[in-house]
């Protein structure tokens, strides 16, 4: 199944809708590596065990990065 990668911006209590940044990725391993690499681009980053999402902080904004299965190819 193809996967897509999304990023969501959170600043305080305000959350913006997720934005699609990559799609039609055939390999789950590749999609996970891309999510990890994007999250690690921020000096302050981590993994939320409750949601399974990776995140990074830039200034006073937190960006959540995650992948989703997008249906049959």
N, C-alpha and C. Protein backbone atom coordinates (compact mmCIF):
# COMPACT_ATOMS: atom_id res chain seq x y z
N UNK A 1 0.83 -1.19 0.00
CA UNK A 1 0.00 0.00 0.00
C UNK A 1 0.87 1.25 0.00
N UNK A 2 0.50 2.25 -0.77
CA UNK A 2 1.27 3.49 -0.75
C UNK A 2 1.05 4.27 0.54
N UNK A 3 2.02 5.09 0.86
CA UNK A 3 1.98 5.90 2.07
C UNK A 3 2.17 7.36 1.71
N UNK A 4 1.62 8.21 2.55
CA UNK A 4 1.80 9.65 2.41
C UNK A 4 2.38 10.20 3.70
N UNK A 5 3.08 11.32 3.61
CA UNK A 5 3.66 11.96 4.78
C UNK A 5 3.02 13.34 4.96
N UNK A 6 2.64 13.61 6.19
CA UNK A 6 1.99 14.86 6.54
C UNK A 6 2.79 15.59 7.61
N UNK A 7 2.62 16.90 7.66
CA UNK A 7 3.21 17.70 8.72
C UNK A 7 2.13 18.63 9.25
N UNK A 8 2.06 18.76 10.57
CA UNK A 8 1.06 19.61 11.20
C UNK A 8 1.76 20.59 12.15
N UNK A 9 1.39 21.83 12.06
CA UNK A 9 2.00 22.89 12.87
C UNK A 9 1.14 23.14 14.10
N UNK A 10 1.80 23.24 15.25
CA UNK A 10 1.11 23.51 16.51
C UNK A 10 1.86 24.62 17.24
N UNK A 11 1.15 25.70 17.52
CA UNK A 11 1.74 26.83 18.23
C UNK A 11 0.83 27.15 19.40
N UNK A 12 1.25 26.78 20.60
CA UNK A 12 0.39 26.94 21.77
C UNK A 12 -0.82 26.04 21.63
N UNK A 13 -2.01 26.62 21.76
CA UNK A 13 -3.26 25.85 21.63
C UNK A 13 -3.79 25.84 20.20
N UNK A 14 -3.11 26.51 19.30
CA UNK A 14 -3.58 26.61 17.92
C UNK A 14 -2.93 25.52 17.08
N UNK A 15 -3.78 24.75 16.39
CA UNK A 15 -3.28 23.69 15.48
C UNK A 15 -3.75 24.01 14.08
N UNK A 16 -2.82 23.99 13.15
CA UNK A 16 -3.19 24.17 11.75
C UNK A 16 -3.51 22.81 11.15
N UNK A 17 -4.32 22.78 10.11
CA UNK A 17 -4.61 21.49 9.46
C UNK A 17 -3.33 20.87 8.90
N UNK A 18 -3.28 19.54 8.86
CA UNK A 18 -2.08 18.87 8.32
C UNK A 18 -1.88 19.22 6.85
N UNK A 19 -0.61 19.26 6.45
CA UNK A 19 -0.27 19.50 5.05
C UNK A 19 0.44 18.27 4.49
N UNK A 20 0.06 17.89 3.30
CA UNK A 20 0.68 16.78 2.60
C UNK A 20 2.03 17.23 2.06
N UNK A 21 3.09 16.49 2.41
CA UNK A 21 4.42 16.88 1.92
C UNK A 21 5.05 15.81 1.04
N UNK A 22 4.50 14.59 1.05
CA UNK A 22 4.99 13.52 0.17
C UNK A 22 3.88 12.48 0.02
N UNK A 23 3.80 11.86 -1.15
CA UNK A 23 2.76 10.85 -1.36
C UNK A 23 3.23 9.77 -2.32
N UNK A 24 2.45 8.71 -2.37
CA UNK A 24 2.70 7.59 -3.26
C UNK A 24 4.06 6.93 -3.00
N UNK A 25 4.39 6.77 -1.72
CA UNK A 25 5.63 6.11 -1.31
C UNK A 25 5.28 4.63 -1.12
N UNK A 26 5.89 3.76 -1.92
CA UNK A 26 5.52 2.34 -1.90
C UNK A 26 6.05 1.56 -0.70
N UNK A 27 7.14 2.00 -0.13
CA UNK A 27 7.79 1.25 0.96
C UNK A 27 7.51 1.91 2.31
N UNK A 28 6.98 1.12 3.24
CA UNK A 28 6.74 1.64 4.59
C UNK A 28 8.06 2.00 5.27
N UNK A 29 9.10 1.22 4.99
CA UNK A 29 10.42 1.51 5.58
C UNK A 29 10.95 2.85 5.07
N UNK A 30 10.80 3.12 3.79
CA UNK A 30 11.24 4.39 3.24
C UNK A 30 10.42 5.54 3.81
N UNK A 31 9.11 5.36 3.92
CA UNK A 31 8.26 6.40 4.49
C UNK A 31 8.67 6.70 5.93
N UNK A 32 8.95 5.66 6.70
CA UNK A 32 9.38 5.87 8.09
C UNK A 32 10.73 6.59 8.16
N UNK A 33 11.64 6.23 7.28
CA UNK A 33 12.94 6.91 7.25
C UNK A 33 12.79 8.38 6.91
N UNK A 34 11.92 8.68 5.96
CA UNK A 34 11.69 10.08 5.59
C UNK A 34 11.09 10.87 6.76
N UNK A 35 10.13 10.28 7.44
CA UNK A 35 9.53 10.95 8.61
C UNK A 35 10.59 11.21 9.66
N UNK A 36 11.41 10.21 9.94
CA UNK A 36 12.48 10.34 10.94
C UNK A 36 13.47 11.43 10.54
N UNK A 37 13.85 11.44 9.27
CA UNK A 37 14.82 12.44 8.78
C UNK A 37 14.26 13.85 8.87
N UNK A 38 13.00 14.02 8.51
CA UNK A 38 12.37 15.34 8.58
C UNK A 38 12.32 15.80 10.03
N UNK A 39 11.90 14.92 10.93
CA UNK A 39 11.81 15.30 12.35
C UNK A 39 13.18 15.64 12.92
N UNK A 40 14.21 14.91 12.50
CA UNK A 40 15.55 15.16 13.02
C UNK A 40 16.19 16.40 12.43
N UNK A 41 15.52 17.02 11.46
CA UNK A 41 16.06 18.25 10.89
C UNK A 41 16.02 19.39 11.91
N UNK A 42 15.13 19.27 12.88
CA UNK A 42 15.09 20.25 13.96
C UNK A 42 16.05 19.85 15.06
N UNK A 43 16.74 20.82 15.62
CA UNK A 43 17.71 20.50 16.68
C UNK A 43 17.01 19.89 17.90
N UNK A 44 15.81 20.40 18.20
CA UNK A 44 15.01 19.84 19.29
C UNK A 44 13.93 18.98 18.64
N UNK A 45 14.00 17.67 18.86
CA UNK A 45 13.05 16.77 18.22
C UNK A 45 12.78 15.58 19.12
N UNK A 46 11.76 14.80 18.78
CA UNK A 46 11.45 13.64 19.60
C UNK A 46 10.39 12.75 18.98
N UNK A 47 9.95 11.80 19.78
CA UNK A 47 8.95 10.81 19.38
C UNK A 47 7.90 10.75 20.47
N UNK A 48 6.64 10.93 20.10
CA UNK A 48 5.53 10.86 21.05
C UNK A 48 5.00 9.43 21.07
N UNK A 49 5.25 8.71 22.13
CA UNK A 49 4.85 7.30 22.22
C UNK A 49 3.33 7.13 22.23
N UNK A 50 2.60 8.12 22.72
CA UNK A 50 1.13 8.02 22.78
C UNK A 50 0.52 8.08 21.37
N UNK A 51 1.03 8.95 20.52
CA UNK A 51 0.46 9.12 19.18
C UNK A 51 1.25 8.38 18.11
N UNK A 52 2.50 8.02 18.41
CA UNK A 52 3.37 7.38 17.43
C UNK A 52 3.91 8.36 16.40
N UNK A 53 3.80 9.64 16.69
CA UNK A 53 4.26 10.66 15.76
C UNK A 53 5.60 11.24 16.20
N UNK A 54 6.38 11.62 15.21
CA UNK A 54 7.64 12.32 15.47
C UNK A 54 7.38 13.80 15.39
N UNK A 55 8.22 14.58 16.04
CA UNK A 55 8.02 16.03 16.07
C UNK A 55 9.37 16.73 16.12
N UNK A 56 9.33 18.01 15.78
CA UNK A 56 10.50 18.87 15.99
C UNK A 56 10.00 20.26 16.34
N UNK A 57 10.84 20.99 17.06
CA UNK A 57 10.49 22.34 17.48
C UNK A 57 11.37 23.32 16.72
N UNK A 58 10.74 24.38 16.24
CA UNK A 58 11.44 25.47 15.60
C UNK A 58 10.89 26.75 16.19
N UNK A 59 11.75 27.50 16.88
CA UNK A 59 11.36 28.69 17.64
C UNK A 59 10.28 28.30 18.64
N UNK A 60 9.09 28.89 18.57
CA UNK A 60 8.05 28.54 19.54
C UNK A 60 6.95 27.69 18.93
N UNK A 61 7.27 26.99 17.83
CA UNK A 61 6.29 26.17 17.13
C UNK A 61 6.75 24.72 17.10
N UNK A 62 5.80 23.81 17.32
CA UNK A 62 6.08 22.37 17.23
C UNK A 62 5.45 21.85 15.94
N UNK A 63 6.22 21.07 15.19
CA UNK A 63 5.74 20.46 13.97
C UNK A 63 5.67 18.95 14.18
N UNK A 64 4.50 18.37 13.97
CA UNK A 64 4.33 16.94 14.07
C UNK A 64 4.41 16.34 12.67
N UNK A 65 5.21 15.30 12.52
CA UNK A 65 5.43 14.67 11.21
C UNK A 65 5.00 13.21 11.33
N UNK A 66 4.19 12.75 10.37
CA UNK A 66 3.71 11.37 10.44
C UNK A 66 3.37 10.85 9.05
N UNK A 67 3.24 9.53 8.95
CA UNK A 67 2.86 8.89 7.68
C UNK A 67 1.53 8.18 7.86
N UNK A 68 0.79 8.09 6.76
CA UNK A 68 -0.47 7.36 6.74
C UNK A 68 -0.53 6.49 5.50
N UNK A 69 -1.16 5.32 5.62
CA UNK A 69 -1.44 4.52 4.44
C UNK A 69 -2.52 5.24 3.66
N UNK A 70 -2.36 5.33 2.35
CA UNK A 70 -3.30 6.11 1.55
C UNK A 70 -4.17 5.26 0.63
N UNK A 71 -4.26 4.00 0.92
CA UNK A 71 -5.15 3.15 0.13
C UNK A 71 -4.41 2.29 -0.87
N UNK A 72 -5.17 1.49 -1.61
CA UNK A 72 -4.54 0.57 -2.58
C UNK A 72 -3.88 1.34 -3.72
N UNK A 73 -2.82 0.74 -4.24
CA UNK A 73 -2.12 1.41 -5.36
C UNK A 73 -2.82 1.16 -6.66
